[in-house]
């Protein structure tokens, strides 16, 4: 019986070792499987994050393009408004000058009128000088004629 007990004890030890080996292999397989599942989960998460990042990049590009178009449109409108404001300011300045009798057209008219009047004055002065010379000549003729017995005397000019 001792052999049987020995055989039973060895069998028990063998079963125990086999059980421990099985348990160890299951533990290792479970750990490896958990690692594989973790790696798969991380890969799926990375793919999802990459897709999300690409989508956000596209949205950002779209927003930037949209904002740039809006900025360009607003710059164009601003330029038009600045042009209108400058034109209005120029008109207001012209109206102010008109109200203050400094109208550019009126000033030009007055300048031309003044130049014309100066020319007329100079012409009249020369005409008066000619008339005065003629009057002096006629007076000289009358004076000479009065001393000559009533007959006109020709005076050389």
N, C-alpha and C. Protein backbone atom coordinates (compact mmCIF):
# COMPACT_ATOMS: atom_id res chain seq x y z
N UNK A 1 0.73 -1.16 0.00
CA UNK A 1 0.00 0.00 0.00
C UNK A 1 0.81 1.28 0.00
N UNK A 2 1.88 1.09 0.43
CA UNK A 2 2.75 2.22 0.44
C UNK A 2 3.08 2.67 -0.98
N UNK A 3 3.13 1.82 -1.84
CA UNK A 3 3.41 2.18 -3.22
C UNK A 3 2.18 2.91 -3.79
N UNK A 4 1.12 2.42 -3.31
CA UNK A 4 -0.08 3.07 -3.82
C UNK A 4 -0.18 4.49 -3.25
N UNK A 5 0.14 4.57 -2.01
CA UNK A 5 0.12 5.90 -1.42
C UNK A 5 1.17 6.78 -2.10
N UNK A 6 2.29 6.18 -2.35
CA UNK A 6 3.35 6.93 -3.01
C UNK A 6 2.90 7.31 -4.43
N UNK A 7 2.30 6.34 -5.09
CA UNK A 7 1.82 6.59 -6.43
C UNK A 7 0.72 7.64 -6.39
N UNK A 8 -0.17 7.57 -5.42
CA UNK A 8 -1.25 8.55 -5.26
C UNK A 8 -0.69 9.92 -4.95
N UNK A 9 0.33 9.96 -4.08
CA UNK A 9 0.93 11.24 -3.73
C UNK A 9 1.62 11.84 -4.94
N UNK A 10 2.32 10.98 -5.71
CA UNK A 10 2.99 11.49 -6.91
C UNK A 10 1.96 11.96 -7.94
N UNK A 11 0.87 11.19 -8.03
CA UNK A 11 -0.18 11.58 -8.98
C UNK A 11 -0.77 12.91 -8.54
N UNK A 12 -0.99 13.06 -7.23
CA UNK A 12 -1.54 14.30 -6.71
C UNK A 12 -0.61 15.47 -7.00
N UNK A 13 0.68 15.20 -6.81
CA UNK A 13 1.66 16.26 -7.07
C UNK A 13 1.66 16.57 -8.57
N UNK A 14 1.54 15.51 -9.40
CA UNK A 14 1.52 15.71 -10.86
C UNK A 14 0.30 16.52 -11.28
N UNK A 15 -0.88 16.16 -10.70
CA UNK A 15 -2.12 16.88 -11.02
C UNK A 15 -1.99 18.34 -10.54
N UNK A 16 -1.40 18.49 -9.36
CA UNK A 16 -1.21 19.84 -8.83
C UNK A 16 -0.30 20.65 -9.75
N UNK A 17 0.78 20.02 -10.19
CA UNK A 17 1.71 20.71 -11.10
C UNK A 17 1.01 21.03 -12.42
N UNK A 18 0.25 20.06 -12.92
CA UNK A 18 -0.47 20.28 -14.18
C UNK A 18 -1.47 21.41 -14.01
N UNK A 19 -2.17 21.44 -12.88
CA UNK A 19 -3.14 22.49 -12.60
C UNK A 19 -2.48 23.84 -12.50
N UNK A 20 -1.34 23.86 -11.79
CA UNK A 20 -0.61 25.12 -11.68
C UNK A 20 -0.10 25.58 -13.05
N UNK A 21 0.37 24.63 -13.85
CA UNK A 21 0.85 24.97 -15.20
C UNK A 21 -0.29 25.51 -16.06
N UNK A 22 -1.46 24.86 -15.94
CA UNK A 22 -2.63 25.29 -16.71
C UNK A 22 -3.06 26.70 -16.26
N UNK A 23 -3.07 26.88 -14.94
CA UNK A 23 -3.48 28.17 -14.39
C UNK A 23 -2.50 29.26 -14.84
N UNK A 24 -1.19 28.91 -14.81
CA UNK A 24 -0.18 29.87 -15.23
C UNK A 24 -0.33 30.21 -16.71
N UNK A 25 -0.57 29.19 -17.54
CA UNK A 25 -0.73 29.41 -18.98
C UNK A 25 -1.98 30.23 -19.26
N UNK A 26 -3.06 29.98 -18.50
CA UNK A 26 -4.28 30.77 -18.66
C UNK A 26 -4.05 32.22 -18.23
N UNK A 27 -3.30 32.39 -17.15
CA UNK A 27 -2.98 33.72 -16.67
C UNK A 27 -2.17 34.47 -17.72
N UNK A 28 -1.16 33.80 -18.30
CA UNK A 28 -0.30 34.40 -19.32
C UNK A 28 -1.13 34.71 -20.57
N UNK A 29 -1.99 33.77 -20.96
CA UNK A 29 -2.82 33.97 -22.14
C UNK A 29 -3.78 35.12 -21.90
N UNK A 30 -4.31 35.22 -20.71
CA UNK A 30 -5.23 36.31 -20.38
C UNK A 30 -4.51 37.64 -20.41
N UNK A 31 -3.31 37.68 -19.87
CA UNK A 31 -2.54 38.91 -19.87
C UNK A 31 -2.18 39.31 -21.29
N UNK A 32 -1.80 38.35 -22.11
CA UNK A 32 -1.47 38.61 -23.51
C UNK A 32 -2.71 39.06 -24.25
N UNK A 33 -3.84 38.41 -23.97
CA UNK A 33 -5.09 38.78 -24.62
C UNK A 33 -5.51 40.19 -24.19
N UNK A 34 -5.32 40.52 -22.90
CA UNK A 34 -5.65 41.85 -22.41
C UNK A 34 -4.76 42.88 -23.08
N UNK A 35 -3.46 42.54 -23.25
CA UNK A 35 -2.55 43.45 -23.94
C UNK A 35 -2.99 43.64 -25.39
N UNK A 36 -3.37 42.57 -26.06
CA UNK A 36 -3.82 42.65 -27.44
C UNK A 36 -5.08 43.51 -27.54
N UNK A 37 -6.00 43.30 -26.60
CA UNK A 37 -7.23 44.09 -26.60
C UNK A 37 -6.92 45.58 -26.33
N UNK A 38 -5.99 45.81 -25.42
CA UNK A 38 -5.58 47.19 -25.13
C UNK A 38 -4.95 47.83 -26.36
N UNK A 39 -4.08 47.10 -27.04
CA UNK A 39 -3.44 47.62 -28.25
C UNK A 39 -4.49 47.89 -29.32
N UNK A 40 -5.44 46.96 -29.48
CA UNK A 40 -6.51 47.15 -30.47
C UNK A 40 -7.35 48.38 -30.11
N UNK A 41 -7.67 48.50 -28.83
CA UNK A 41 -8.46 49.65 -28.39
C UNK A 41 -7.69 50.96 -28.64
N UNK A 42 -6.41 50.96 -28.33
CA UNK A 42 -5.58 52.15 -28.57
C UNK A 42 -5.47 52.47 -30.06
N UNK A 43 -5.38 51.43 -30.90
CA UNK A 43 -5.33 51.65 -32.35
C UNK A 43 -6.64 52.27 -32.84
N UNK A 44 -7.76 51.74 -32.35
CA UNK A 44 -9.06 52.28 -32.74
C UNK A 44 -9.21 53.73 -32.26
N UNK A 45 -8.75 53.98 -31.03
CA UNK A 45 -8.81 55.35 -30.50
C UNK A 45 -7.93 56.28 -31.33
N UNK A 46 -6.75 55.82 -31.69
CA UNK A 46 -5.83 56.63 -32.51
C UNK A 46 -6.46 56.93 -33.87
N UNK A 47 -7.09 55.92 -34.48
CA UNK A 47 -7.75 56.14 -35.77
C UNK A 47 -8.90 57.14 -35.64
N UNK A 48 -9.68 57.00 -34.56
CA UNK A 48 -10.80 57.92 -34.32
C UNK A 48 -10.28 59.34 -34.10
N UNK A 49 -9.20 59.47 -33.32
CA UNK A 49 -8.62 60.79 -33.07
C UNK A 49 -8.03 61.39 -34.35
N UNK A 50 -7.42 60.55 -35.18
CA UNK A 50 -6.87 61.03 -36.45
C UNK A 50 -7.99 61.53 -37.35
N UNK A 51 -9.10 60.76 -37.41
CA UNK A 51 -10.25 61.18 -38.22
C UNK A 51 -10.81 62.50 -37.68
N UNK A 52 -10.91 62.59 -36.35
CA UNK A 52 -11.42 63.81 -35.72
C UNK A 52 -10.49 64.98 -36.02
N UNK A 53 -9.19 64.76 -35.95
CA UNK A 53 -8.20 65.79 -36.24
C UNK A 53 -8.30 66.25 -37.69
N UNK A 54 -8.46 65.30 -38.62
CA UNK A 54 -8.62 65.66 -40.03
C UNK A 54 -9.88 66.49 -40.25
N UNK A 55 -10.96 66.08 -39.57
CA UNK A 55 -12.21 66.81 -39.70
C UNK A 55 -12.05 68.23 -39.15
N UNK A 56 -11.40 68.35 -37.99
CA UNK A 56 -11.18 69.67 -37.41
C UNK A 56 -10.28 70.54 -38.30
N UNK A 57 -9.28 69.91 -38.92
CA UNK A 57 -8.40 70.64 -39.84
C UNK A 57 -9.19 71.16 -41.03
N UNK A 58 -10.07 70.33 -41.58
CA UNK A 58 -10.91 70.76 -42.70
C UNK A 58 -11.85 71.89 -42.28
N UNK A 59 -12.44 71.76 -41.10
CA UNK A 59 -13.33 72.81 -40.60
C UNK A 59 -12.57 74.11 -40.39
N UNK A 60 -11.35 73.99 -39.86
CA UNK A 60 -10.52 75.17 -39.64
C UNK A 60 -10.20 75.84 -40.98
N UNK A 61 -9.83 75.04 -41.98
CA UNK A 61 -9.53 75.60 -43.30
C UNK A 61 -10.76 76.28 -43.89
N UNK A 62 -11.91 75.66 -43.73
CA UNK A 62 -13.15 76.24 -44.23
C UNK A 62 -13.45 77.56 -43.53
N UNK A 63 -13.29 77.57 -42.21
CA UNK A 63 -13.54 78.80 -41.44
C UNK A 63 -12.57 79.90 -41.83
N UNK A 64 -11.30 79.55 -41.98
CA UNK A 64 -10.29 80.55 -42.36
C UNK A 64 -10.63 81.12 -43.74
N UNK A 65 -10.99 80.25 -44.67
CA UNK A 65 -11.34 80.71 -46.02
C UNK A 65 -12.58 81.60 -45.96
N UNK A 66 -13.56 81.18 -45.19
CA UNK A 66 -14.79 81.96 -45.05
C UNK A 66 -14.49 83.33 -44.43
N UNK A 67 -13.69 83.34 -43.37
CA UNK A 67 -13.35 84.60 -42.72
C UNK A 67 -12.53 85.50 -43.64
N UNK A 68 -11.64 84.90 -44.43
CA UNK A 68 -10.83 85.69 -45.35
C UNK A 68 -11.72 86.32 -46.42
N UNK A 69 -12.71 85.56 -46.90
CA UNK A 69 -13.65 86.12 -47.88
C UNK A 69 -14.44 87.26 -47.26
N UNK A 70 -14.87 87.08 -46.02
CA UNK A 70 -15.62 88.14 -45.34
C UNK A 70 -14.74 89.37 -45.15
N UNK A 71 -13.49 89.16 -44.77
CA UNK A 71 -12.55 90.29 -44.58
C UNK A 71 -12.36 91.02 -45.91
N UNK A 72 -12.17 90.26 -47.00
CA UNK A 72 -11.98 90.89 -48.31
C UNK A 72 -13.22 91.69 -48.71
N UNK A 73 -14.40 91.13 -48.47
CA UNK A 73 -15.65 91.82 -48.79
C UNK A 73 -15.78 93.09 -47.96
N UNK A 74 -15.46 93.00 -46.67
CA UNK A 74 -15.55 94.18 -45.80
C UNK A 74 -14.52 95.24 -46.20
N UNK A 75 -13.31 94.80 -46.60
CA UNK A 75 -12.30 95.75 -47.06
C UNK A 75 -12.77 96.49 -48.31
N UNK A 76 -13.43 95.76 -49.22
CA UNK A 76 -13.96 96.37 -50.43
C UNK A 76 -15.03 97.40 -50.07
N UNK A 77 -15.95 97.01 -49.18
CA UNK A 77 -16.99 97.94 -48.76
C UNK A 77 -16.40 99.15 -48.05
N UNK A 78 -15.37 98.93 -47.24
CA UNK A 78 -14.71 100.02 -46.54
C UNK A 78 -14.07 100.98 -47.53
N UNK A 79 -13.44 100.44 -48.57
CA UNK A 79 -12.83 101.30 -49.59
C UNK A 79 -13.87 102.15 -50.29
N UNK A 80 -15.02 101.54 -50.62
CA UNK A 80 -16.10 102.29 -51.26
C UNK A 80 -16.60 103.40 -50.33
N UNK A 81 -16.79 103.05 -49.06
CA UNK A 81 -17.28 104.04 -48.11
C UNK A 81 -16.27 105.17 -47.90
N UNK A 82 -14.99 104.83 -47.87
CA UNK A 82 -13.97 105.87 -47.72
C UNK A 82 -13.99 106.81 -48.92
N UNK A 83 -14.16 106.23 -50.12
CA UNK A 83 -14.23 107.05 -51.32
C UNK A 83 -15.43 108.00 -51.27
N UNK A 84 -16.58 107.46 -50.85
CA UNK A 84 -17.77 108.30 -50.73
C UNK A 84 -17.57 109.39 -49.68
N UNK A 85 -16.97 109.02 -48.57
CA UNK A 85 -16.74 110.01 -47.50
C UNK A 85 -15.81 111.11 -47.98
N UNK A 86 -14.74 110.75 -48.71
CA UNK A 86 -13.82 111.77 -49.22
C UNK A 86 -14.52 112.67 -50.24
N UNK A 87 -15.37 112.08 -51.10
CA UNK A 87 -16.10 112.88 -52.08
C UNK A 87 -17.06 113.83 -51.37
N UNK A 88 -17.75 113.34 -50.34
CA UNK A 88 -18.66 114.20 -49.58
C UNK A 88 -17.91 115.31 -48.88
N UNK A 89 -16.75 115.00 -48.33
CA UNK A 89 -15.95 116.03 -47.65
C UNK A 89 -15.50 117.10 -48.63
N UNK A 90 -15.12 116.67 -49.84
CA UNK A 90 -14.70 117.63 -50.86
C UNK A 90 -15.87 118.52 -51.26
N UNK A 91 -17.05 117.93 -51.44
CA UNK A 91 -18.24 118.72 -51.78
C UNK A 91 -18.57 119.71 -50.67
N UNK A 92 -18.50 119.25 -49.42
CA UNK A 92 -18.79 120.14 -48.29
C UNK A 92 -17.81 121.31 -48.28
N UNK A 93 -16.53 121.04 -48.57
CA UNK A 93 -15.53 122.10 -48.62
C UNK A 93 -15.86 123.10 -49.73
N UNK A 94 -16.29 122.58 -50.89
CA UNK A 94 -16.66 123.47 -51.99
C UNK A 94 -17.87 124.32 -51.60
N UNK A 95 -18.88 123.70 -50.98
CA UNK A 95 -20.07 124.45 -50.56
C UNK A 95 -19.71 125.52 -49.53
N UNK A 96 -18.82 125.19 -48.62
CA UNK A 96 -18.38 126.16 -47.63
C UNK A 96 -17.70 127.34 -48.30
N UNK A 97 -16.86 127.07 -49.29
CA UNK A 97 -16.20 128.15 -50.01
C UNK A 97 -17.21 129.01 -50.76
N UNK A 98 -18.24 128.34 -51.33
CA UNK A 98 -19.28 129.10 -52.04
C UNK A 98 -20.01 130.01 -51.05
N UNK A 99 -20.35 129.46 -49.89
CA UNK A 99 -21.05 130.26 -48.89
C UNK A 99 -20.19 131.41 -48.37
N UNK A 100 -18.89 131.25 -48.41
CA UNK A 100 -17.98 132.29 -47.94
C UNK A 100 -17.46 133.16 -49.10
N UNK A 101 -18.17 133.11 -50.24
CA UNK A 101 -17.79 133.85 -51.45
C UNK A 101 -16.38 133.52 -51.92
N UNK A 102 -16.02 132.28 -51.79
CA UNK A 102 -14.72 131.84 -52.27
C UNK A 102 -14.90 130.69 -53.25
N UNK A 103 -15.98 130.76 -54.01
CA UNK A 103 -16.26 129.74 -55.01
C UNK A 103 -15.15 129.76 -56.05
N UNK A 104 -14.54 128.61 -56.36
CA UNK A 104 -13.43 128.60 -57.34
C UNK A 104 -13.86 129.16 -58.71
N UNK A 105 -15.08 128.84 -59.15
CA UNK A 105 -15.54 129.37 -60.43
C UNK A 105 -15.73 130.89 -60.34
N UNK A 106 -16.30 131.32 -59.24
CA UNK A 106 -16.52 132.76 -59.05
C UNK A 106 -15.18 133.48 -58.97
N UNK A 107 -14.24 132.91 -58.25
CA UNK A 107 -12.91 133.50 -58.13
C UNK A 107 -12.26 133.62 -59.51
N UNK A 108 -12.40 132.58 -60.32
CA UNK A 108 -11.83 132.60 -61.67
C UNK A 108 -12.52 133.68 -62.51
N UNK A 109 -13.84 133.78 -62.38
CA UNK A 109 -14.60 134.80 -63.10
C UNK A 109 -14.13 136.20 -62.69
N UNK A 110 -13.97 136.40 -61.39
CA UNK A 110 -13.53 137.71 -60.90
C UNK A 110 -12.11 138.04 -61.40
N UNK A 111 -11.26 137.07 -61.45
CA UNK A 111 -9.89 137.28 -61.92
C UNK A 111 -9.91 137.70 -63.39
N UNK A 112 -10.71 136.98 -64.19
CA UNK A 112 -10.80 137.33 -65.61
C UNK A 112 -11.43 138.71 -65.79
N UNK A 113 -12.44 138.99 -65.00
CA UNK A 113 -13.10 140.30 -65.09
C UNK A 113 -12.11 141.41 -64.73
N UNK A 114 -11.33 141.19 -63.69
CA UNK A 114 -10.34 142.18 -63.27
C UNK A 114 -9.31 142.40 -64.37
N UNK A 115 -8.84 141.33 -64.97
CA UNK A 115 -7.86 141.46 -66.06
C UNK A 115 -8.46 142.23 -67.24
N UNK A 116 -9.73 141.93 -67.55
CA UNK A 116 -10.40 142.63 -68.65
C UNK A 116 -10.55 144.12 -68.34
N UNK A 117 -10.95 144.44 -67.11
CA UNK A 117 -11.11 145.84 -66.71
C UNK A 117 -9.77 146.58 -66.74
N UNK A 118 -8.69 145.91 -66.35
CA UNK A 118 -7.37 146.54 -66.40
C UNK A 118 -7.00 146.84 -67.85
N UNK A 119 -7.31 145.90 -68.75
CA UNK A 119 -7.01 146.13 -70.17
C UNK A 119 -7.85 147.29 -70.72
N UNK A 120 -9.13 147.35 -70.31
CA UNK A 120 -10.00 148.45 -70.74
C UNK A 120 -9.46 149.78 -70.21
N UNK A 121 -9.03 149.82 -68.94
CA UNK A 121 -8.49 151.03 -68.35
C UNK A 121 -7.25 151.50 -69.12
N UNK A 122 -6.36 150.54 -69.44
CA UNK A 122 -5.15 150.90 -70.18
C UNK A 122 -5.50 151.42 -71.56
N UNK A 123 -6.49 150.77 -72.20
CA UNK A 123 -6.92 151.24 -73.52
C UNK A 123 -7.50 152.65 -73.43
N UNK A 124 -8.33 152.88 -72.41
CA UNK A 124 -8.94 154.20 -72.24
C UNK A 124 -7.88 155.26 -71.93
N UNK A 125 -6.86 154.90 -71.16
CA UNK A 125 -5.77 155.83 -70.86
C UNK A 125 -5.07 156.23 -72.16
N UNK A 126 -4.78 155.22 -73.01
CA UNK A 126 -4.11 155.53 -74.28
C UNK A 126 -5.03 156.36 -75.17
N UNK A 127 -6.31 156.02 -75.15
CA UNK A 127 -7.27 156.79 -75.94
C UNK A 127 -7.33 158.23 -75.46
N UNK A 128 -7.36 158.42 -74.15
CA UNK A 128 -7.37 159.78 -73.58
C UNK A 128 -6.08 160.53 -73.92
N UNK A 129 -4.97 159.81 -73.87
CA UNK A 129 -3.71 160.45 -74.25
C UNK A 129 -3.77 160.91 -75.70
N UNK A 130 -4.35 160.04 -76.57
CA UNK A 130 -4.50 160.42 -77.98
C UNK A 130 -5.44 161.59 -78.15
N UNK A 131 -6.55 161.58 -77.41
CA UNK A 131 -7.50 162.68 -77.47
C UNK A 131 -6.85 163.97 -76.97
N UNK A 132 -6.09 163.84 -75.89
CA UNK A 132 -5.41 165.03 -75.35
C UNK A 132 -4.39 165.55 -76.35
N UNK A 133 -3.69 164.64 -77.03
CA UNK A 133 -2.72 165.09 -78.05
C UNK A 133 -3.46 165.80 -79.19
N UNK A 134 -4.59 165.24 -79.58
CA UNK A 134 -5.39 165.88 -80.64
C UNK A 134 -5.93 167.22 -80.19
N UNK A 135 -6.37 167.29 -78.91
CA UNK A 135 -6.89 168.55 -78.37
C UNK A 135 -5.77 169.59 -78.33
N UNK A 136 -4.60 169.16 -77.87
CA UNK A 136 -3.46 170.08 -77.82
C UNK A 136 -3.11 170.57 -79.23
N UNK A 137 -3.16 169.63 -80.19
CA UNK A 137 -2.86 170.00 -81.58
C UNK A 137 -3.88 171.01 -82.09
N UNK A 138 -5.16 170.72 -81.82
CA UNK A 138 -6.22 171.62 -82.28
C UNK A 138 -6.08 172.99 -81.60
N UNK A 139 -5.77 173.00 -80.32
CA UNK A 139 -5.58 174.27 -79.60
C UNK A 139 -4.40 175.04 -80.20
N UNK A 140 -3.36 174.28 -80.52
CA UNK A 140 -2.19 174.93 -81.14
C UNK A 140 -2.58 175.53 -82.49
N UNK A 141 -3.38 174.81 -83.26
CA UNK A 141 -3.81 175.32 -84.57
C UNK A 141 -4.67 176.56 -84.37
N UNK A 142 -5.59 176.51 -83.40
CA UNK A 142 -6.46 177.66 -83.15
C UNK A 142 -5.64 178.87 -82.71
N UNK A 143 -4.69 178.62 -81.86
CA UNK A 143 -3.86 179.72 -81.37
C UNK A 143 -3.06 180.35 -82.51
N UNK A 144 -2.48 179.50 -83.33
CA UNK A 144 -1.70 180.00 -84.45
C UNK A 144 -2.60 180.71 -85.45
N UNK A 145 -3.75 180.18 -85.67
CA UNK A 145 -4.69 180.77 -86.62
C UNK A 145 -5.18 182.12 -86.11
N UNK A 146 -5.36 182.24 -84.83
CA UNK A 146 -5.83 183.49 -84.26
C UNK A 146 -4.81 184.61 -84.49
N UNK A 147 -3.53 184.33 -84.52
CA UNK A 147 -2.51 185.35 -84.73
C UNK A 147 -2.24 185.58 -86.21
N UNK A 148 -2.69 184.73 -87.03
CA UNK A 148 -2.33 184.86 -88.44
C UNK A 148 -3.38 185.56 -89.26
N UNK A 149 -4.30 186.24 -88.70
CA UNK A 149 -5.27 186.99 -89.45
C UNK A 149 -6.49 186.16 -89.82
N UNK A 150 -6.73 185.13 -89.18
CA UNK A 150 -7.94 184.35 -89.41
C UNK A 150 -7.77 183.24 -90.40
N UNK A 151 -6.63 183.13 -91.04
CA UNK A 151 -6.45 182.03 -91.97
C UNK A 151 -5.76 180.86 -91.26
N UNK A 152 -6.26 179.64 -91.53
CA UNK A 152 -5.64 178.48 -90.87
C UNK A 152 -4.20 178.29 -91.32
N UNK A 153 -3.39 178.05 -90.41
CA UNK A 153 -1.99 177.84 -90.71
C UNK A 153 -1.73 176.34 -90.52
N UNK A 154 -1.06 175.77 -91.48
CA UNK A 154 -0.75 174.33 -91.40
C UNK A 154 0.45 174.14 -90.50
N UNK A 155 0.25 173.28 -89.52
CA UNK A 155 1.35 173.02 -88.57
C UNK A 155 1.83 171.61 -88.86
N UNK A 156 3.12 171.48 -88.99
CA UNK A 156 3.68 170.16 -89.21
C UNK A 156 3.68 169.38 -87.89
N UNK A 157 3.23 168.19 -88.00
CA UNK A 157 3.16 167.37 -86.80
C UNK A 157 4.38 166.51 -86.71
